[in-house]
Amino acid sequence: MIGRDNRRARIGLLGGSFNPAHEGHLHVARAALRALRLDTVWLMVSPGNPLKPARGMLPFAQRLASARAMAAPPRIIASDIEARLGSRITFRTLDLLRKRFPRVEFVLIIGADNLVQLPRWNRWRRLAAGTRLAVLPRPGYTRAALRGRAAAVLRRHRRAPGAMFAPADHAPWCFVSAALHSASATAIREEWRQGRISGSKR
C-alpha cells in the first residue's frame, strides 16, 4: 500500500505503454522539464492501456525496465506507480495520486496524438477541468490536435507554458513547442522482429 507523502513539488506525468521506451520519450520529458519548470518528470509506465490492443504489448516488467534504462535520474525517473495503485484509467490514477501526494502540483504530459484521442478517455472533461495538461508535438498529429474537438472545448483555458501554475478555477492546458523526434516504438519492435537490433538493449 502506498502511504501519504507530503512533499512539495511540481511533477510532470508522462504516461504511456513504453512498448518499449525510446529516445523520443526522453526528448519529450526534457522539453517539458524546461518549458514548465518542473522539478521532476515521471515516466509512468501503464500496466495496460484500455485503448490499445493487448496483442504486441511487451510484458509489463520488460516495458518498465526499458523506461528505467532510458530515464535520467534524478530529474527524469521511471515509475510503476500506476501498477502499484491498481489503476489503468488516467482519471482514477490522477485522483489517487492527488490523495497520496496532496501538496504536489501535477501536470499530465501528453503527445498531440493523445489530445486528438482525449474525447475517448474516461471522464475526459472532468479530467481536463482538474488536471493541468501539457501537449507536445507528434509527427502527423499536431495540426489535427490543435484543430480538434478537445482543443475546441478547452480553447478558453489554453495558457502559455510559463503560466500553467497561476491560480485558476479550471485547470489550464498548454502547447509546448519542441522539435519533433522521429523515434517510434512500433519501428523499434519491427527492427527487433527482423533481428536488426537486440531487444536486450532495452
N, C-alpha and C. Protein backbone atom coordinates (compact mmCIF):
# COMPACT_ATOMS: atom_id res chain seq x y z
N MET A 1 0.85 -1.20 0.00
CA MET A 1 0.00 0.00 0.00
C MET A 1 0.88 1.24 0.00
N ILE A 2 0.51 2.26 -0.77
CA ILE A 2 1.28 3.48 -0.86
C ILE A 2 0.76 4.47 0.17
N GLY A 3 1.65 4.94 1.05
CA GLY A 3 1.24 5.87 2.09
C GLY A 3 1.19 7.31 1.60
N ARG A 4 0.72 8.19 2.46
CA ARG A 4 0.62 9.62 2.16
C ARG A 4 2.01 10.23 2.12
N ASP A 5 2.24 11.12 1.19
CA ASP A 5 3.54 11.77 1.00
C ASP A 5 3.29 13.28 0.92
N ASN A 6 3.86 14.03 1.84
CA ASN A 6 3.58 15.46 1.93
C ASN A 6 4.64 16.35 1.28
N ARG A 7 5.43 15.79 0.38
CA ARG A 7 6.43 16.62 -0.30
C ARG A 7 5.75 17.71 -1.12
N ARG A 8 6.47 18.82 -1.32
CA ARG A 8 6.04 19.88 -2.23
C ARG A 8 6.87 19.76 -3.51
N ALA A 9 6.21 19.72 -4.63
CA ALA A 9 6.95 19.60 -5.90
C ALA A 9 5.99 19.85 -7.05
N ARG A 10 6.59 20.15 -8.21
CA ARG A 10 5.87 20.22 -9.47
C ARG A 10 6.35 19.04 -10.30
N ILE A 11 5.44 18.10 -10.52
CA ILE A 11 5.82 16.84 -11.16
C ILE A 11 5.04 16.65 -12.45
N GLY A 12 5.76 16.38 -13.53
CA GLY A 12 5.14 16.04 -14.79
C GLY A 12 4.95 14.54 -14.89
N LEU A 13 3.79 14.13 -15.36
CA LEU A 13 3.48 12.71 -15.54
C LEU A 13 3.44 12.40 -17.02
N LEU A 14 4.43 11.69 -17.50
CA LEU A 14 4.46 11.25 -18.90
C LEU A 14 4.06 9.79 -18.91
N GLY A 15 2.77 9.55 -19.05
CA GLY A 15 2.27 8.19 -19.02
C GLY A 15 2.31 7.56 -20.40
N GLY A 16 2.32 6.24 -20.43
CA GLY A 16 2.32 5.55 -21.70
C GLY A 16 2.63 4.08 -21.55
N SER A 17 2.55 3.37 -22.66
CA SER A 17 2.85 1.95 -22.65
C SER A 17 4.35 1.70 -22.59
N PHE A 18 5.15 2.59 -23.17
CA PHE A 18 6.61 2.42 -23.23
C PHE A 18 6.91 1.01 -23.77
N ASN A 19 6.49 0.80 -24.98
CA ASN A 19 6.47 -0.55 -25.57
C ASN A 19 7.41 -0.68 -26.78
N PRO A 20 8.72 -0.39 -26.62
CA PRO A 20 9.46 -0.05 -25.41
C PRO A 20 9.68 1.46 -25.32
N ALA A 21 10.33 1.89 -24.21
CA ALA A 21 10.75 3.28 -24.08
C ALA A 21 11.85 3.58 -25.10
N HIS A 22 11.93 4.83 -25.56
CA HIS A 22 12.93 5.20 -26.55
C HIS A 22 13.34 6.66 -26.37
N GLU A 23 14.27 7.10 -27.19
CA GLU A 23 14.82 8.45 -27.07
C GLU A 23 13.75 9.54 -27.22
N GLY A 24 12.69 9.24 -27.97
CA GLY A 24 11.61 10.22 -28.12
C GLY A 24 10.95 10.54 -26.79
N HIS A 25 10.79 9.53 -25.93
CA HIS A 25 10.20 9.76 -24.61
C HIS A 25 11.11 10.68 -23.78
N LEU A 26 12.41 10.44 -23.84
CA LEU A 26 13.35 11.27 -23.10
C LEU A 26 13.36 12.71 -23.64
N HIS A 27 13.25 12.84 -24.95
CA HIS A 27 13.19 14.16 -25.58
C HIS A 27 11.97 14.94 -25.08
N VAL A 28 10.82 14.30 -25.02
CA VAL A 28 9.59 14.94 -24.55
C VAL A 28 9.72 15.33 -23.08
N ALA A 29 10.25 14.42 -22.26
CA ALA A 29 10.40 14.70 -20.84
C ALA A 29 11.31 15.91 -20.61
N ARG A 30 12.40 15.99 -21.34
CA ARG A 30 13.32 17.11 -21.18
C ARG A 30 12.68 18.42 -21.63
N ALA A 31 11.93 18.37 -22.72
CA ALA A 31 11.26 19.58 -23.21
C ALA A 31 10.25 20.08 -22.19
N ALA A 32 9.50 19.18 -21.57
CA ALA A 32 8.51 19.56 -20.57
C ALA A 32 9.18 20.12 -19.32
N LEU A 33 10.27 19.48 -18.89
CA LEU A 33 11.01 19.99 -17.73
C LEU A 33 11.40 21.45 -17.90
N ARG A 34 11.95 21.75 -19.07
CA ARG A 34 12.42 23.11 -19.34
C ARG A 34 11.27 24.10 -19.46
N ALA A 35 10.29 23.76 -20.28
CA ALA A 35 9.22 24.71 -20.59
C ALA A 35 8.33 25.00 -19.38
N LEU A 36 8.08 23.99 -18.57
CA LEU A 36 7.15 24.13 -17.45
C LEU A 36 7.86 24.35 -16.11
N ARG A 37 9.19 24.30 -16.14
CA ARG A 37 9.99 24.48 -14.92
C ARG A 37 9.57 23.48 -13.85
N LEU A 38 9.54 22.24 -14.24
CA LEU A 38 9.15 21.16 -13.33
C LEU A 38 10.33 20.71 -12.48
N ASP A 39 10.02 20.13 -11.33
CA ASP A 39 11.07 19.54 -10.50
C ASP A 39 11.47 18.17 -11.03
N THR A 40 10.48 17.41 -11.50
CA THR A 40 10.71 16.04 -11.92
C THR A 40 9.69 15.65 -12.97
N VAL A 41 10.06 14.72 -13.83
CA VAL A 41 9.10 14.06 -14.71
C VAL A 41 9.14 12.57 -14.40
N TRP A 42 7.96 12.01 -14.19
CA TRP A 42 7.85 10.56 -14.01
C TRP A 42 7.46 9.92 -15.35
N LEU A 43 8.26 8.97 -15.80
CA LEU A 43 7.87 8.13 -16.94
C LEU A 43 6.95 7.06 -16.34
N MET A 44 5.66 7.30 -16.41
CA MET A 44 4.66 6.48 -15.71
C MET A 44 4.20 5.34 -16.63
N VAL A 45 4.77 4.17 -16.39
CA VAL A 45 4.52 3.02 -17.26
C VAL A 45 3.16 2.41 -16.94
N SER A 46 2.31 2.36 -17.95
CA SER A 46 0.95 1.84 -17.76
C SER A 46 0.96 0.32 -17.67
N PRO A 47 0.21 -0.25 -16.72
CA PRO A 47 0.07 -1.71 -16.69
C PRO A 47 -0.74 -2.24 -17.86
N GLY A 48 -1.48 -1.35 -18.54
CA GLY A 48 -2.27 -1.77 -19.70
C GLY A 48 -3.22 -0.68 -20.13
N ASN A 49 -2.97 -0.10 -21.29
CA ASN A 49 -3.81 0.98 -21.81
C ASN A 49 -5.11 0.39 -22.37
N PRO A 50 -6.28 0.78 -21.81
CA PRO A 50 -7.54 0.21 -22.29
C PRO A 50 -7.87 0.58 -23.74
N LEU A 51 -7.19 1.60 -24.30
CA LEU A 51 -7.44 1.99 -25.69
C LEU A 51 -6.47 1.34 -26.67
N LYS A 52 -5.57 0.49 -26.15
CA LYS A 52 -4.62 -0.19 -27.03
C LYS A 52 -4.81 -1.69 -26.95
N PRO A 53 -4.64 -2.40 -28.07
CA PRO A 53 -4.80 -3.85 -28.05
C PRO A 53 -3.68 -4.52 -27.27
N ALA A 54 -4.01 -5.63 -26.60
CA ALA A 54 -3.00 -6.36 -25.83
C ALA A 54 -2.00 -7.06 -26.75
N ARG A 55 -2.44 -7.39 -27.96
CA ARG A 55 -1.56 -8.07 -28.90
C ARG A 55 -0.38 -7.17 -29.26
N GLY A 56 0.82 -7.72 -29.18
CA GLY A 56 2.02 -6.96 -29.49
C GLY A 56 2.56 -6.17 -28.31
N MET A 57 1.87 -6.23 -27.15
CA MET A 57 2.31 -5.50 -25.97
C MET A 57 3.34 -6.33 -25.22
N LEU A 58 4.51 -5.76 -24.99
CA LEU A 58 5.54 -6.45 -24.23
C LEU A 58 5.09 -6.62 -22.77
N PRO A 59 5.64 -7.61 -22.06
CA PRO A 59 5.30 -7.76 -20.63
C PRO A 59 5.61 -6.48 -19.86
N PHE A 60 4.81 -6.24 -18.82
CA PHE A 60 4.98 -5.01 -18.04
C PHE A 60 6.40 -4.86 -17.51
N ALA A 61 6.97 -5.94 -16.98
CA ALA A 61 8.32 -5.86 -16.42
C ALA A 61 9.34 -5.42 -17.47
N GLN A 62 9.17 -5.88 -18.70
CA GLN A 62 10.10 -5.51 -19.76
C GLN A 62 9.92 -4.05 -20.15
N ARG A 63 8.67 -3.58 -20.19
CA ARG A 63 8.42 -2.18 -20.54
C ARG A 63 8.96 -1.25 -19.44
N LEU A 64 8.77 -1.64 -18.18
CA LEU A 64 9.29 -0.85 -17.07
C LEU A 64 10.82 -0.81 -17.11
N ALA A 65 11.43 -1.95 -17.40
CA ALA A 65 12.90 -1.99 -17.48
C ALA A 65 13.40 -1.07 -18.60
N SER A 66 12.69 -1.02 -19.72
CA SER A 66 13.11 -0.15 -20.82
C SER A 66 13.01 1.31 -20.42
N ALA A 67 11.98 1.66 -19.63
CA ALA A 67 11.83 3.04 -19.17
C ALA A 67 12.92 3.40 -18.17
N ARG A 68 13.27 2.45 -17.31
CA ARG A 68 14.35 2.71 -16.34
C ARG A 68 15.68 2.89 -17.05
N ALA A 69 15.89 2.13 -18.12
CA ALA A 69 17.13 2.26 -18.88
C ALA A 69 17.20 3.60 -19.60
N MET A 70 16.05 4.16 -19.96
CA MET A 70 16.01 5.41 -20.70
C MET A 70 15.97 6.62 -19.78
N ALA A 71 15.62 6.45 -18.50
CA ALA A 71 15.46 7.56 -17.57
C ALA A 71 16.78 8.27 -17.30
N ALA A 72 16.68 9.48 -16.76
CA ALA A 72 17.86 10.28 -16.42
C ALA A 72 17.68 10.85 -15.02
N PRO A 73 17.81 9.99 -13.99
CA PRO A 73 17.63 10.46 -12.62
C PRO A 73 18.62 11.58 -12.27
N PRO A 74 18.28 12.47 -11.33
CA PRO A 74 17.06 12.43 -10.51
C PRO A 74 15.89 13.22 -11.09
N ARG A 75 16.07 13.90 -12.24
CA ARG A 75 15.01 14.74 -12.78
C ARG A 75 13.99 13.95 -13.60
N ILE A 76 14.43 12.87 -14.23
CA ILE A 76 13.53 12.05 -15.04
C ILE A 76 13.65 10.61 -14.56
N ILE A 77 12.57 10.11 -13.97
CA ILE A 77 12.61 8.77 -13.39
C ILE A 77 11.48 7.90 -13.93
N ALA A 78 11.73 6.62 -14.00
CA ALA A 78 10.69 5.66 -14.42
C ALA A 78 9.90 5.24 -13.19
N SER A 79 8.60 5.10 -13.36
CA SER A 79 7.74 4.78 -12.22
C SER A 79 6.73 3.68 -12.57
N ASP A 80 6.53 2.78 -11.62
CA ASP A 80 5.50 1.74 -11.75
C ASP A 80 4.30 2.07 -10.87
N ILE A 81 4.16 3.36 -10.51
CA ILE A 81 3.15 3.73 -9.51
C ILE A 81 1.73 3.41 -9.96
N GLU A 82 1.45 3.48 -11.25
CA GLU A 82 0.09 3.18 -11.71
C GLU A 82 -0.24 1.72 -11.43
N ALA A 83 0.72 0.83 -11.65
CA ALA A 83 0.50 -0.58 -11.34
C ALA A 83 0.33 -0.78 -9.85
N ARG A 84 1.13 -0.07 -9.05
CA ARG A 84 1.03 -0.22 -7.59
C ARG A 84 -0.28 0.35 -7.06
N LEU A 85 -0.83 1.35 -7.75
CA LEU A 85 -2.13 1.90 -7.36
C LEU A 85 -3.28 1.01 -7.83
N GLY A 86 -2.97 0.08 -8.74
CA GLY A 86 -4.01 -0.80 -9.27
C GLY A 86 -4.95 -0.10 -10.22
N SER A 87 -4.42 0.86 -11.01
CA SER A 87 -5.26 1.64 -11.91
C SER A 87 -4.76 1.56 -13.34
N ARG A 88 -5.71 1.50 -14.28
CA ARG A 88 -5.40 1.57 -15.70
C ARG A 88 -6.10 2.76 -16.37
N ILE A 89 -6.88 3.49 -15.61
CA ILE A 89 -7.66 4.62 -16.12
C ILE A 89 -7.01 5.91 -15.62
N THR A 90 -6.65 6.80 -16.52
CA THR A 90 -5.91 8.01 -16.16
C THR A 90 -6.67 8.86 -15.14
N PHE A 91 -7.97 9.02 -15.33
CA PHE A 91 -8.77 9.82 -14.40
C PHE A 91 -8.64 9.27 -12.98
N ARG A 92 -8.76 7.97 -12.82
CA ARG A 92 -8.65 7.35 -11.48
C ARG A 92 -7.23 7.46 -10.95
N THR A 93 -6.24 7.25 -11.81
CA THR A 93 -4.85 7.36 -11.39
C THR A 93 -4.57 8.73 -10.80
N LEU A 94 -5.00 9.78 -11.49
CA LEU A 94 -4.76 11.14 -11.02
C LEU A 94 -5.47 11.41 -9.70
N ASP A 95 -6.68 10.90 -9.56
CA ASP A 95 -7.42 11.07 -8.31
C ASP A 95 -6.66 10.41 -7.15
N LEU A 96 -6.16 9.21 -7.38
CA LEU A 96 -5.40 8.50 -6.34
C LEU A 96 -4.08 9.21 -6.03
N LEU A 97 -3.41 9.71 -7.06
CA LEU A 97 -2.15 10.41 -6.84
C LEU A 97 -2.35 11.68 -6.02
N ARG A 98 -3.41 12.42 -6.31
CA ARG A 98 -3.65 13.66 -5.56
C ARG A 98 -3.94 13.38 -4.09
N LYS A 99 -4.59 12.26 -3.81
CA LYS A 99 -4.86 11.90 -2.42
C LYS A 99 -3.59 11.51 -1.68
N ARG A 100 -2.67 10.86 -2.39
CA ARG A 100 -1.44 10.40 -1.76
C ARG A 100 -0.35 11.46 -1.73
N PHE A 101 -0.42 12.41 -2.66
CA PHE A 101 0.56 13.49 -2.73
C PHE A 101 -0.20 14.83 -2.73
N PRO A 102 -0.83 15.20 -1.62
CA PRO A 102 -1.74 16.36 -1.61
C PRO A 102 -1.05 17.70 -1.85
N ARG A 103 0.26 17.78 -1.70
CA ARG A 103 0.96 19.06 -1.88
C ARG A 103 1.73 19.13 -3.20
N VAL A 104 1.63 18.09 -4.00
CA VAL A 104 2.29 18.08 -5.30
C VAL A 104 1.37 18.69 -6.35
N GLU A 105 1.96 19.51 -7.23
CA GLU A 105 1.22 20.05 -8.37
C GLU A 105 1.59 19.21 -9.60
N PHE A 106 0.64 18.41 -10.06
CA PHE A 106 0.88 17.51 -11.17
C PHE A 106 0.53 18.16 -12.51
N VAL A 107 1.28 17.80 -13.52
CA VAL A 107 0.97 18.16 -14.90
C VAL A 107 0.99 16.88 -15.71
N LEU A 108 -0.08 16.62 -16.44
CA LEU A 108 -0.14 15.45 -17.31
C LEU A 108 0.44 15.83 -18.67
N ILE A 109 1.51 15.16 -19.05
CA ILE A 109 2.20 15.45 -20.31
C ILE A 109 1.71 14.46 -21.36
N ILE A 110 1.15 14.98 -22.45
CA ILE A 110 0.63 14.10 -23.50
C ILE A 110 1.14 14.56 -24.86
N GLY A 111 1.19 13.64 -25.78
CA GLY A 111 1.52 13.99 -27.15
C GLY A 111 0.29 14.49 -27.88
N ALA A 112 0.50 15.16 -29.01
CA ALA A 112 -0.62 15.67 -29.79
C ALA A 112 -1.57 14.55 -30.21
N ASP A 113 -1.05 13.34 -30.41
CA ASP A 113 -1.92 12.22 -30.76
C ASP A 113 -2.92 11.94 -29.64
N ASN A 114 -2.50 12.11 -28.40
CA ASN A 114 -3.42 11.89 -27.28
C ASN A 114 -4.42 13.01 -27.11
N LEU A 115 -4.06 14.23 -27.52
CA LEU A 115 -5.06 15.31 -27.49
C LEU A 115 -6.16 15.01 -28.50
N VAL A 116 -5.81 14.43 -29.65
CA VAL A 116 -6.82 14.01 -30.63
C VAL A 116 -7.74 12.97 -30.01
N GLN A 117 -7.16 12.02 -29.25
CA GLN A 117 -7.93 10.91 -28.68
C GLN A 117 -8.61 11.26 -27.36
N LEU A 118 -8.30 12.42 -26.79
CA LEU A 118 -8.78 12.75 -25.45
C LEU A 118 -10.29 12.57 -25.26
N PRO A 119 -11.13 12.93 -26.23
CA PRO A 119 -12.57 12.72 -26.03
C PRO A 119 -12.98 11.25 -25.87
N ARG A 120 -12.09 10.32 -26.15
CA ARG A 120 -12.38 8.90 -25.94
C ARG A 120 -11.99 8.44 -24.53
N TRP A 121 -11.29 9.29 -23.80
CA TRP A 121 -10.83 8.91 -22.47
C TRP A 121 -11.98 8.95 -21.46
N ASN A 122 -11.88 8.12 -20.45
CA ASN A 122 -12.87 8.07 -19.39
C ASN A 122 -12.95 9.42 -18.66
N ARG A 123 -14.16 10.01 -18.61
CA ARG A 123 -14.43 11.27 -17.91
C ARG A 123 -13.43 12.37 -18.33
N TRP A 124 -13.23 12.50 -19.61
CA TRP A 124 -12.18 13.39 -20.09
C TRP A 124 -12.41 14.86 -19.74
N ARG A 125 -13.66 15.30 -19.74
CA ARG A 125 -13.92 16.70 -19.41
C ARG A 125 -13.60 16.98 -17.94
N ARG A 126 -13.97 16.07 -17.06
CA ARG A 126 -13.64 16.24 -15.65
C ARG A 126 -12.14 16.15 -15.44
N LEU A 127 -11.49 15.27 -16.17
CA LEU A 127 -10.04 15.16 -16.07
C LEU A 127 -9.38 16.49 -16.45
N ALA A 128 -9.79 17.06 -17.58
CA ALA A 128 -9.21 18.31 -18.06
C ALA A 128 -9.55 19.48 -17.14
N ALA A 129 -10.70 19.43 -16.49
CA ALA A 129 -11.09 20.53 -15.59
C ALA A 129 -10.23 20.57 -14.34
N GLY A 130 -9.73 19.39 -13.93
CA GLY A 130 -8.98 19.33 -12.68
C GLY A 130 -7.51 19.02 -12.81
N THR A 131 -7.02 18.87 -14.04
CA THR A 131 -5.64 18.46 -14.26
C THR A 131 -4.97 19.33 -15.30
N ARG A 132 -3.83 19.90 -14.97
CA ARG A 132 -3.05 20.65 -15.95
C ARG A 132 -2.57 19.69 -17.04
N LEU A 133 -2.71 20.12 -18.30
CA LEU A 133 -2.29 19.31 -19.44
C LEU A 133 -1.23 20.05 -20.24
N ALA A 134 -0.16 19.38 -20.55
CA ALA A 134 0.88 19.93 -21.42
C ALA A 134 0.95 19.04 -22.66
N VAL A 135 0.73 19.64 -23.82
CA VAL A 135 0.68 18.90 -25.07
C VAL A 135 1.97 19.13 -25.85
N LEU A 136 2.61 18.04 -26.24
CA LEU A 136 3.84 18.10 -27.03
C LEU A 136 3.56 17.67 -28.46
N PRO A 137 4.28 18.24 -29.44
CA PRO A 137 4.03 17.86 -30.85
C PRO A 137 4.39 16.40 -31.12
N ARG A 138 3.64 15.81 -32.04
CA ARG A 138 3.92 14.47 -32.54
C ARG A 138 3.82 14.50 -34.06
N PRO A 139 4.74 13.83 -34.76
CA PRO A 139 4.70 13.85 -36.23
C PRO A 139 3.33 13.40 -36.76
N GLY A 140 2.74 14.22 -37.61
CA GLY A 140 1.49 13.87 -38.25
C GLY A 140 0.23 14.15 -37.45
N TYR A 141 0.36 14.65 -36.21
CA TYR A 141 -0.81 14.84 -35.35
C TYR A 141 -1.03 16.27 -34.87
N THR A 142 0.01 17.08 -34.85
CA THR A 142 -0.07 18.36 -34.17
C THR A 142 -1.17 19.26 -34.72
N ARG A 143 -1.23 19.42 -36.04
CA ARG A 143 -2.24 20.30 -36.63
C ARG A 143 -3.65 19.80 -36.32
N ALA A 144 -3.87 18.49 -36.48
CA ALA A 144 -5.20 17.93 -36.21
C ALA A 144 -5.57 18.10 -34.74
N ALA A 145 -4.58 17.96 -33.85
CA ALA A 145 -4.86 18.08 -32.42
C ALA A 145 -5.30 19.49 -32.06
N LEU A 146 -4.61 20.49 -32.58
CA LEU A 146 -4.92 21.87 -32.23
C LEU A 146 -6.19 22.37 -32.90
N ARG A 147 -6.69 21.63 -33.88
CA ARG A 147 -7.96 21.96 -34.52
C ARG A 147 -9.08 20.99 -34.13
N GLY A 148 -8.77 20.07 -33.24
CA GLY A 148 -9.71 19.01 -32.90
C GLY A 148 -10.72 19.37 -31.84
N ARG A 149 -11.54 18.40 -31.48
CA ARG A 149 -12.65 18.61 -30.55
C ARG A 149 -12.17 19.03 -29.17
N ALA A 150 -11.18 18.33 -28.61
CA ALA A 150 -10.73 18.66 -27.26
C ALA A 150 -10.18 20.08 -27.20
N ALA A 151 -9.36 20.45 -28.18
CA ALA A 151 -8.80 21.80 -28.20
C ALA A 151 -9.90 22.85 -28.31
N ALA A 152 -10.95 22.54 -29.08
CA ALA A 152 -12.06 23.49 -29.23
C ALA A 152 -12.83 23.65 -27.91
N VAL A 153 -13.11 22.53 -27.25
CA VAL A 153 -13.84 22.58 -25.99
C VAL A 153 -13.05 23.34 -24.92
N LEU A 154 -11.74 23.15 -24.93
CA LEU A 154 -10.88 23.72 -23.88
C LEU A 154 -10.21 25.03 -24.31
N ARG A 155 -10.63 25.59 -25.42
CA ARG A 155 -9.93 26.74 -26.01
C ARG A 155 -9.68 27.88 -25.01
N ARG A 156 -10.68 28.25 -24.25
CA ARG A 156 -10.52 29.42 -23.37
C ARG A 156 -9.64 29.14 -22.16
N HIS A 157 -9.24 27.88 -21.98
CA HIS A 157 -8.38 27.53 -20.85
C HIS A 157 -6.92 27.32 -21.27
N ARG A 158 -6.64 27.60 -22.54
CA ARG A 158 -5.26 27.45 -23.00
C ARG A 158 -4.40 28.59 -22.46
N ARG A 159 -3.20 28.26 -22.01
CA ARG A 159 -2.27 29.24 -21.47
C ARG A 159 -0.89 29.02 -22.06
N ALA A 160 -0.02 29.98 -21.87
CA ALA A 160 1.38 29.80 -22.22
C ALA A 160 2.01 28.85 -21.21
N PRO A 161 3.03 28.09 -21.60
CA PRO A 161 3.66 27.16 -20.65
C PRO A 161 4.09 27.82 -19.35
N GLY A 162 4.56 29.06 -19.41
CA GLY A 162 5.02 29.74 -18.21
C GLY A 162 3.91 30.16 -17.26
N ALA A 163 2.66 30.06 -17.70
CA ALA A 163 1.53 30.46 -16.86
C ALA A 163 0.72 29.28 -16.34
N MET A 164 1.26 28.10 -16.44
CA MET A 164 0.50 26.90 -16.11
C MET A 164 0.18 26.76 -14.62
N PHE A 165 0.95 27.43 -13.77
CA PHE A 165 0.72 27.26 -12.33
C PHE A 165 0.06 28.48 -11.70
N ALA A 166 -0.45 29.38 -12.52
CA ALA A 166 -1.21 30.52 -12.00
C ALA A 166 -2.56 30.02 -11.48
N PRO A 167 -3.10 30.63 -10.41
CA PRO A 167 -4.40 30.20 -9.88
C PRO A 167 -5.50 30.30 -10.95
N ALA A 168 -6.37 29.30 -10.98
CA ALA A 168 -7.46 29.28 -11.96
C ALA A 168 -8.58 28.38 -11.46
N ASP A 169 -9.83 28.69 -11.84
CA ASP A 169 -10.97 27.87 -11.46
C ASP A 169 -10.99 26.56 -12.25
N HIS A 170 -10.48 26.60 -13.47
CA HIS A 170 -10.42 25.43 -14.34
C HIS A 170 -8.95 25.19 -14.66
N ALA A 171 -8.52 23.95 -14.60
CA ALA A 171 -7.12 23.66 -14.89
C ALA A 171 -6.76 24.11 -16.31
N PRO A 172 -5.60 24.72 -16.50
CA PRO A 172 -5.18 25.15 -17.82
C PRO A 172 -4.51 24.04 -18.61
N TRP A 173 -4.35 24.30 -19.90
CA TRP A 173 -3.54 23.42 -20.73
C TRP A 173 -2.67 24.29 -21.62
N CYS A 174 -1.61 23.72 -22.11
CA CYS A 174 -0.71 24.47 -22.96
C CYS A 174 -0.14 23.59 -24.06
N PHE A 175 0.35 24.23 -25.09
CA PHE A 175 1.10 23.53 -26.13
C PHE A 175 2.55 23.91 -25.98
N VAL A 176 3.41 22.92 -25.84
CA VAL A 176 4.84 23.14 -25.66
C VAL A 176 5.53 22.97 -27.01
N SER A 177 6.04 24.05 -27.55
CA SER A 177 6.75 23.97 -28.82
C SER A 177 8.07 23.24 -28.60
N ALA A 178 8.31 22.23 -29.40
CA ALA A 178 9.54 21.45 -29.28
C ALA A 178 9.84 20.82 -30.63
N ALA A 179 11.09 20.56 -30.87
CA ALA A 179 11.47 19.88 -32.11
C ALA A 179 10.83 18.50 -32.14
N LEU A 180 10.44 18.07 -33.32
CA LEU A 180 9.88 16.73 -33.48
C LEU A 180 10.99 15.70 -33.36
N HIS A 181 10.64 14.55 -32.80
CA HIS A 181 11.60 13.45 -32.68
C HIS A 181 11.02 12.25 -33.42
N SER A 182 11.83 11.60 -34.21
CA SER A 182 11.33 10.55 -35.11
C SER A 182 11.27 9.17 -34.49
N ALA A 183 11.75 9.01 -33.26
CA ALA A 183 11.78 7.67 -32.65
C ALA A 183 10.37 7.10 -32.54
N SER A 184 10.25 5.80 -32.78
CA SER A 184 8.95 5.13 -32.77
C SER A 184 9.07 3.75 -32.14
N ALA A 185 8.23 3.48 -31.15
CA ALA A 185 8.24 2.16 -30.52
C ALA A 185 7.85 1.08 -31.52
N THR A 186 6.91 1.41 -32.41
CA THR A 186 6.50 0.44 -33.44
C THR A 186 7.68 0.08 -34.33
N ALA A 187 8.45 1.09 -34.74
CA ALA A 187 9.61 0.83 -35.60
C ALA A 187 10.66 0.01 -34.86
N ILE A 188 10.86 0.28 -33.58
CA ILE A 188 11.83 -0.48 -32.80
C ILE A 188 11.42 -1.94 -32.70
N ARG A 189 10.13 -2.18 -32.44
CA ARG A 189 9.66 -3.57 -32.35
C ARG A 189 9.83 -4.30 -33.68
N GLU A 190 9.62 -3.59 -34.78
CA GLU A 190 9.79 -4.21 -36.10
C GLU A 190 11.26 -4.55 -36.33
N GLU A 191 12.16 -3.68 -35.90
CA GLU A 191 13.59 -3.98 -36.04
C GLU A 191 13.97 -5.17 -35.18
N TRP A 192 13.38 -5.28 -33.99
CA TRP A 192 13.60 -6.47 -33.17
C TRP A 192 13.15 -7.72 -33.92
N ARG A 193 11.93 -7.63 -34.50
CA ARG A 193 11.35 -8.78 -35.17
C ARG A 193 12.24 -9.25 -36.32
N GLN A 194 12.83 -8.28 -37.01
CA GLN A 194 13.68 -8.63 -38.15
C GLN A 194 15.12 -8.91 -37.74
N GLY A 195 15.40 -8.79 -36.44
CA GLY A 195 16.73 -9.13 -35.95
C GLY A 195 17.79 -8.08 -36.22
N ARG A 196 17.36 -6.84 -36.55
CA ARG A 196 18.34 -5.79 -36.84
C ARG A 196 18.96 -5.22 -35.55
N ILE A 197 18.19 -5.17 -34.46
CA ILE A 197 18.73 -4.75 -33.18
C ILE A 197 18.24 -5.73 -32.12
N SER A 198 18.97 -5.80 -31.01
CA SER A 198 18.63 -6.74 -29.96
C SER A 198 17.70 -6.11 -28.95
N GLY A 199 16.64 -6.81 -28.61
CA GLY A 199 15.71 -6.32 -27.59
C GLY A 199 16.34 -6.23 -26.22
N SER A 200 17.45 -6.95 -26.01
CA SER A 200 18.10 -6.94 -24.69
C SER A 200 18.72 -5.59 -24.38
N LYS A 201 18.88 -4.71 -25.37
CA LYS A 201 19.49 -3.40 -25.14
C LYS A 201 18.55 -2.49 -24.38
N ARG A 202 17.31 -2.82 -24.29
CA ARG A 202 16.33 -2.00 -23.58
C ARG A 202 15.77 -2.81 -22.42
